[in-house]
Protein backbone atom coordinates (compact mmCIF):
# COMPACT_ATOMS: atom_id res chain seq x y z
CA MET A 1 106.30 27.05 69.95
CA LYS A 2 104.64 23.66 70.04
CA ASN A 3 105.87 23.01 66.50
CA LEU A 4 109.46 23.69 67.64
CA ILE A 5 109.40 21.18 70.54
CA LYS A 6 107.53 18.64 68.24
CA ILE A 7 110.46 18.93 65.77
CA LEU A 8 112.99 18.45 68.55
CA LEU A 9 111.18 15.28 69.82
CA ILE A 10 110.72 13.94 66.48
CA VAL A 11 114.40 14.36 65.57
CA LEU A 12 115.19 12.46 68.60
CA PHE A 13 112.82 9.68 67.85
CA VAL A 14 114.81 8.78 64.80
CA SER A 15 118.27 9.59 65.87
CA PHE A 16 119.74 8.29 69.22
CA ASP A 17 123.23 8.64 70.87
CA SER A 18 124.62 8.55 74.36
CA PHE A 19 123.69 11.31 76.67
CA ALA A 20 123.81 12.24 80.44
CA GLN A 21 120.82 11.97 82.69
CA GLU A 22 120.48 12.63 86.44
CA ASN A 23 116.87 11.53 86.92
CA PHE A 24 114.55 9.04 85.51
CA GLU A 25 112.69 11.46 83.24
CA PHE A 26 112.34 10.67 79.57
CA PHE A 27 110.84 12.73 76.61
CA GLY A 28 110.06 11.39 73.23
CA ALA A 29 107.20 9.94 71.22
CA ILE A 30 105.16 6.81 70.53
CA LYS A 31 103.99 5.84 67.10
CA LEU A 32 100.91 3.60 66.60
CA ASN A 33 101.01 0.58 64.17
CA GLY A 34 98.69 0.65 61.18
CA ASN A 35 97.84 3.27 58.55
CA ASP A 36 98.21 6.23 60.97
CA LYS A 37 101.90 7.07 61.23
CA THR A 38 101.45 10.23 63.43
CA LEU A 39 103.89 10.61 66.17
CA ILE A 40 102.44 11.25 69.66
CA THR A 41 104.57 13.17 72.20
CA TYR A 42 105.25 11.22 75.29
CA ARG A 43 106.76 11.85 78.65
CA ILE A 44 107.41 9.35 81.53
CA VAL A 45 108.72 9.99 84.90
CA PHE A 46 109.55 7.18 87.51
CA GLN A 47 111.55 5.97 90.39
CA GLU A 48 113.24 2.62 90.72
CA ASN A 49 113.37 1.06 94.05
CA ASN A 50 114.77 -2.55 94.62
CA GLY A 51 113.71 -3.49 91.15
CA LYS A 52 110.26 -1.91 91.46
CA ILE A 53 109.11 0.91 89.04
CA SER A 54 106.50 3.50 89.92
CA GLY A 55 105.59 6.85 88.31
CA TYR A 56 103.52 8.26 85.61
CA SER A 57 103.37 9.01 81.84
CA ILE A 58 101.84 11.88 79.90
CA THR A 59 100.52 11.45 76.42
CA ASP A 60 100.08 14.24 73.87
CA LEU A 61 101.98 16.90 75.93
CA ASP A 62 99.85 20.15 75.92
CA GLY A 63 97.63 18.83 73.30
CA SER A 64 93.79 18.30 73.21
CA HIS A 65 94.09 14.75 74.24
CA GLU A 66 96.65 15.25 77.00
CA THR A 67 96.32 12.31 79.36
CA LYS A 68 98.23 11.43 82.49
CA ASN A 69 98.41 7.78 83.82
CA THR A 70 100.11 5.98 86.68
CA ILE A 71 102.82 3.59 85.56
CA VAL A 72 104.16 0.43 87.31
CA GLY A 73 106.77 -2.04 86.47
CA THR A 74 110.13 -3.80 87.20
CA TYR A 75 113.60 -3.32 86.38
CA ASP A 76 116.22 -6.20 86.55
CA LYS A 77 119.67 -4.75 86.70
CA SER A 78 121.44 -8.08 85.86
CA THR A 79 119.47 -8.68 82.64
CA LYS A 80 118.70 -4.94 81.99
CA LEU A 81 115.11 -5.89 81.28
CA LEU A 82 112.69 -2.94 81.87
CA THR A 83 108.98 -3.40 82.03
CA PHE A 84 106.29 -0.82 82.64
CA GLN A 85 102.49 -0.68 82.20
CA GLU A 86 100.09 2.22 82.31
CA ARG A 87 97.48 1.53 84.73
CA ASP A 88 94.94 4.25 86.17
CA ILE A 89 94.07 7.36 84.40
CA LEU A 90 94.78 10.39 86.68
CA TYR A 91 93.42 13.05 84.18
CA THR A 92 92.64 13.58 80.56
CA LYS A 93 91.52 16.39 78.29
CA SER A 94 90.06 13.77 75.93
CA LYS A 95 86.26 13.28 75.61
CA PHE A 96 86.65 9.51 75.45
CA ALA A 97 85.25 7.22 77.86
CA GLN A 98 87.48 5.45 80.22
CA SER A 99 86.74 2.09 78.62
CA SER A 100 88.16 3.25 75.38
CA PHE A 101 91.63 4.26 76.49
CA CYS A 102 94.51 2.01 75.11
CA PHE A 103 97.44 1.64 77.76
CA VAL A 104 100.97 1.27 76.90
CA ASN A 105 102.65 -1.80 78.01
CA PHE A 106 106.49 -1.87 77.38
CA SER A 107 109.16 -4.63 77.83
CA GLY A 108 112.71 -4.18 76.51
CA LYS A 109 116.37 -4.11 77.27
CA VAL A 110 117.39 -0.76 78.82
CA LYS A 111 120.66 0.32 80.45
CA LEU A 112 119.13 2.30 83.23
CA VAL A 113 121.77 4.36 84.68
CA ASP A 114 121.96 8.07 85.78
CA ASN A 115 124.26 9.38 83.05
CA SER A 116 123.41 7.12 79.92
CA SER A 117 119.89 5.86 79.15
CA LYS A 118 117.38 5.44 76.31
CA ILE A 119 114.29 3.66 75.94
CA GLU A 120 113.12 2.28 72.64
CA GLY A 121 111.29 -0.80 71.16
CA ASN A 122 107.84 -2.10 70.60
CA PHE A 123 104.90 -1.79 73.05
CA LYS A 124 101.61 -3.73 73.39
CA GLY A 125 98.43 -1.78 73.72
CA LEU A 126 95.89 -3.15 76.15
CA PHE A 127 92.48 -1.87 77.27
CA LYS A 128 91.72 -1.70 81.03
CA ASN A 129 90.20 -5.17 80.84
CA LYS A 130 93.51 -6.51 79.33
CA THR A 131 92.04 -7.11 75.71
CA LYS A 132 94.25 -6.00 72.89
CA CYS A 133 93.96 -2.66 71.14
CA ILE A 134 96.58 -0.88 69.20
CA ASP A 135 100.19 -1.77 69.35
CA GLY A 136 103.11 0.47 68.55
CA THR A 137 106.67 1.66 69.08
CA VAL A 138 108.13 3.88 71.66
CA ALA A 139 111.38 5.99 71.51
CA LEU A 140 112.52 8.21 74.50
CA VAL A 141 115.66 9.88 75.59
CA GLY A 142 116.49 11.33 79.00
CA SER A 143 115.80 14.86 79.95
CA ALA A 144 119.39 15.83 80.00
CA LYS A 145 119.81 15.19 76.29
CA ILE A 146 116.70 17.11 75.48
CA TYR A 147 117.68 20.01 77.60
CA ASN A 148 121.31 20.06 76.10
CA LEU A 149 119.93 20.14 72.70
CA ALA A 150 117.40 23.05 73.72
CA LYS A 151 120.20 25.00 75.03
CA LYS A 152 122.14 24.74 71.82
CA VAL A 153 119.11 25.71 69.83
CA ASN A 154 118.43 28.67 72.18
CA LYS A 155 121.97 29.84 71.84
CA LYS A 156 121.56 30.06 68.10
CA ILE A 157 118.15 31.78 68.41
CA GLN A 158 119.49 34.38 70.86
CA LYS A 159 122.63 35.12 68.65
CA SER A 160 120.46 35.64 65.52
CA LYS A 161 120.22 39.27 64.40
CA GLN A 162 117.14 38.30 62.22
CA ILE A 163 114.95 37.48 65.02
CA ASP A 164 113.42 40.24 67.29
CA ASN A 165 113.61 40.19 71.06
CA GLU A 166 109.88 39.35 71.56
CA VAL A 167 110.12 36.41 69.31
CA LYS A 168 113.39 35.27 70.90
CA LEU A 169 111.54 35.37 74.31
CA ARG A 170 108.59 33.46 73.12
CA SER A 171 110.72 30.82 71.13
CA ASN A 172 113.00 29.86 73.98
CA PRO A 173 112.98 26.06 73.87
CA ILE A 174 114.05 25.69 77.35
CA ALA A 175 111.09 27.61 78.65
CA ILE A 176 108.84 25.55 76.25
CA LEU A 177 110.22 22.38 77.73
CA ASP A 178 109.55 23.55 81.22
CA SER A 179 106.07 24.73 80.44
CA LEU A 180 105.26 21.08 79.18
CA LYS A 181 105.78 19.81 82.61
CA ILE A 182 102.81 22.06 83.86
CA ASN A 183 99.20 21.03 82.96
CA LYS A 184 97.79 24.18 81.54
CA LEU A 185 94.04 24.81 81.37
CA SER A 186 93.24 27.29 78.56
CA LYS A 187 90.01 28.58 76.97
CA ASP A 188 87.12 26.20 76.59
CA GLN A 189 89.07 23.25 77.72
CA ASN A 190 87.65 20.42 80.08
CA LEU A 191 90.07 18.60 82.28
CA ASN A 192 88.46 15.08 83.40
CA VAL A 193 89.99 14.16 86.57
CA PHE A 194 89.25 10.68 88.06
CA TRP A 195 88.44 11.01 91.65
CA GLU A 196 88.13 8.72 94.69
CA SER A 197 87.09 10.78 97.79
CA LYS A 198 83.75 12.34 98.70
CA LYS A 199 85.32 15.76 98.89
CA ILE A 200 87.72 18.04 96.96
CA LYS A 201 90.29 20.34 98.48
CA ILE A 202 91.13 23.28 96.11
CA GLU A 203 94.07 25.57 96.58
CA ILE A 204 94.32 28.72 94.45
CA PHE A 205 97.24 31.13 94.39
CA ASP A 206 99.48 33.36 92.14
CA ALA A 207 102.69 31.42 91.71
CA GLY A 208 104.41 34.62 90.34
CA LYS A 209 103.89 38.23 90.88
CA GLU A 210 100.60 39.29 92.19
CA ASP A 211 99.07 41.43 89.37
CA GLY A 212 95.28 41.86 90.30
CA ASP A 213 93.97 38.90 88.50
CA VAL A 214 90.30 38.09 89.39
CA ILE A 215 88.24 34.92 88.96
CA THR A 216 85.07 33.42 89.81
CA LEU A 217 84.75 29.69 90.69
CA PHE A 218 81.60 27.76 90.01
CA HIS A 219 80.44 24.14 91.17
CA ASN A 220 77.66 22.88 89.04
CA GLY A 221 76.74 26.32 87.88
CA LYS A 222 76.62 27.67 91.61
CA VAL A 223 79.05 30.39 92.59
CA ILE A 224 81.54 29.16 95.43
CA LEU A 225 84.16 31.78 95.04
CA GLU A 226 83.14 35.15 93.54
CA ASN A 227 85.41 37.93 92.07
CA TYR A 228 88.26 36.55 94.01
CA LYS A 229 91.62 38.47 93.54
CA VAL A 230 94.23 35.87 93.25
CA LYS A 231 97.28 36.22 95.71
CA ASN A 232 100.49 34.59 96.56
CA GLU A 233 98.98 33.33 99.78
CA LYS A 234 96.81 30.20 98.98
CA LYS A 235 93.03 30.41 99.12
CA ILE A 236 91.82 26.95 100.34
CA ILE A 237 88.22 25.75 99.57
CA THR A 238 86.81 22.19 100.56
CA VAL A 239 83.71 21.14 98.76
CA PRO A 240 81.77 17.90 99.42
CA VAL A 241 81.14 15.94 96.16
CA ASN A 242 78.79 13.16 95.38
CA LEU A 243 80.57 11.05 92.53
CA ASP A 244 77.37 9.43 91.41
CA GLU A 245 76.37 12.90 90.36
CA LYS A 246 77.65 15.59 88.06
CA ASN A 247 80.60 17.63 89.45
CA GLU A 248 81.79 20.37 87.29
CA PHE A 249 84.00 23.27 88.37
CA LYS A 250 84.16 26.21 86.07
CA ILE A 251 86.84 28.91 86.39
CA LEU A 252 86.02 32.34 84.75
CA ALA A 253 88.44 35.07 84.17
CA ILE A 254 86.78 38.34 85.39
CA ASN A 255 89.85 40.48 84.14
CA GLU A 256 93.36 40.25 83.03
CA GLY A 257 95.12 42.19 85.75
CA THR A 258 98.33 44.22 84.99
CA ILE A 259 100.23 41.34 83.45
CA LEU A 260 98.38 39.55 80.69
CA PRO A 261 96.79 36.96 80.63
CA ASN A 262 94.89 36.13 83.70
CA THR A 263 96.75 33.23 85.49
CA ALA A 264 96.25 31.22 88.54
CA LYS A 265 97.82 28.09 89.96
CA ILE A 266 95.31 25.48 91.27
CA ILE A 267 96.00 22.40 93.05
CA LEU A 268 93.33 19.84 93.51
CA ILE A 269 93.80 17.42 96.49
CA ASP A 270 92.06 13.87 96.49
CA GLU A 271 93.12 12.10 99.64
CA ASN A 272 96.88 11.61 98.98
CA ARG A 273 96.99 12.40 95.44
CA THR A 274 97.35 15.96 94.02
CA PHE A 275 96.72 17.55 90.60
CA GLU A 276 98.44 20.85 89.68
CA LEU A 277 97.04 23.21 87.02
CA LEU A 278 97.93 26.53 85.50
CA THR A 279 94.96 28.54 84.18
CA SER A 280 95.67 31.02 81.40
CA PHE A 281 92.75 33.23 80.16
CA LYS A 282 91.82 36.43 78.54
CA LYS A 283 89.03 38.51 80.10
CA SER A 284 85.62 36.55 80.22
CA GLU A 285 87.40 33.22 79.00
CA ASN A 286 86.70 30.03 81.08
CA ALA A 287 87.49 26.37 81.28
CA SER A 288 86.31 23.54 83.47
CA ILE A 289 87.26 20.64 85.57
CA THR A 290 85.03 17.62 85.73
CA LEU A 291 85.39 15.06 88.42
CA ILE A 292 84.64 11.50 87.35
CA LYS A 293 84.34 8.50 89.68
CA LYS A 294 87.28 6.32 89.35
CA GLU A 295 86.52 2.80 88.09
CA LEU A 296 87.76 -0.01 90.40
C-alpha cells in the first residue's frame, strides 16, 4: 500500500498540470541535493489570512522518520510570492536530536487560489540556529488533484477481475490517502513529542465500533491505566510531568478484540496544542510516546 501511494506522489513530482483545489492542502515530495536522490514524501496544510501563512508540514508520511513541524510564512497576492519556513517540531518518530533537524525554507512564485495551485521550486535547508544544512527541491500539488487521480486508479482496481475482493479493499488508494492524515503508532515505534506544559491530558477512545479492545498504559514503567476496555466514550487521564526528567508513556495491547487489530484513538493535550494518534497492535505488542522539553 505504501508503495502504491509513493508511486502516485513520485509521478506527480515530475508531471504537473492544472487541478482544482478547495483547501490549502498539498501532497508531494522533496528531493535533497547531493548524491542521495531519494524522494521524501511531504504534506503541508496551511491557512492564509491577510497575507500571513500558518499551518504545519509532515515529512516522510507514515515512515520511520515521520516528523510534523509548524510552518509560518507570507503570501503576496500581487506578486504571487509565497514564502514559508518550518519552525518548531511538534513530533517525530526519528531518533535524531532536535539540533540535528534540517528545516525547509521555501520562497517562490505560486498562484495560490482555491481551484488551481501547485508549489514547486528550490528550498534552503537551515538548522534551528539558522546555519545552513542541506538544500533541495520541493514539488507539491493540491489534494483535489491527488484524490482525483486516486479515484481513477481505484475505479480500475475495483473493475479488475484479476484482483480478489480482499486485495481490492486493502489497495483502495483513497483509503490509503486518508490514512496518511492520521498519525499511526505501530509495534515498537516511539513517538517523540515536544512538550511545553507541566501536565499531560490524555483522551482514549474507540473512534469506530466497540469490539472489546483492552490496553494497559504505563508512565515511566508504572501502570496508570490497567486492562482498560476501550470504548466510544472518552477516558480522560491527567498526569503531572517533570520535563527535566524522563517521561515515557507505553501502550500495551492486552488482546485484539473481535475486530483485528487492537486499535485506539489517543489524543494528547498540551495547553492549546493537541496531538492525535491511532494505535494499531496485535496482542502483546506495544509502542511508546516520549515527552521532550521543547527548546526555546
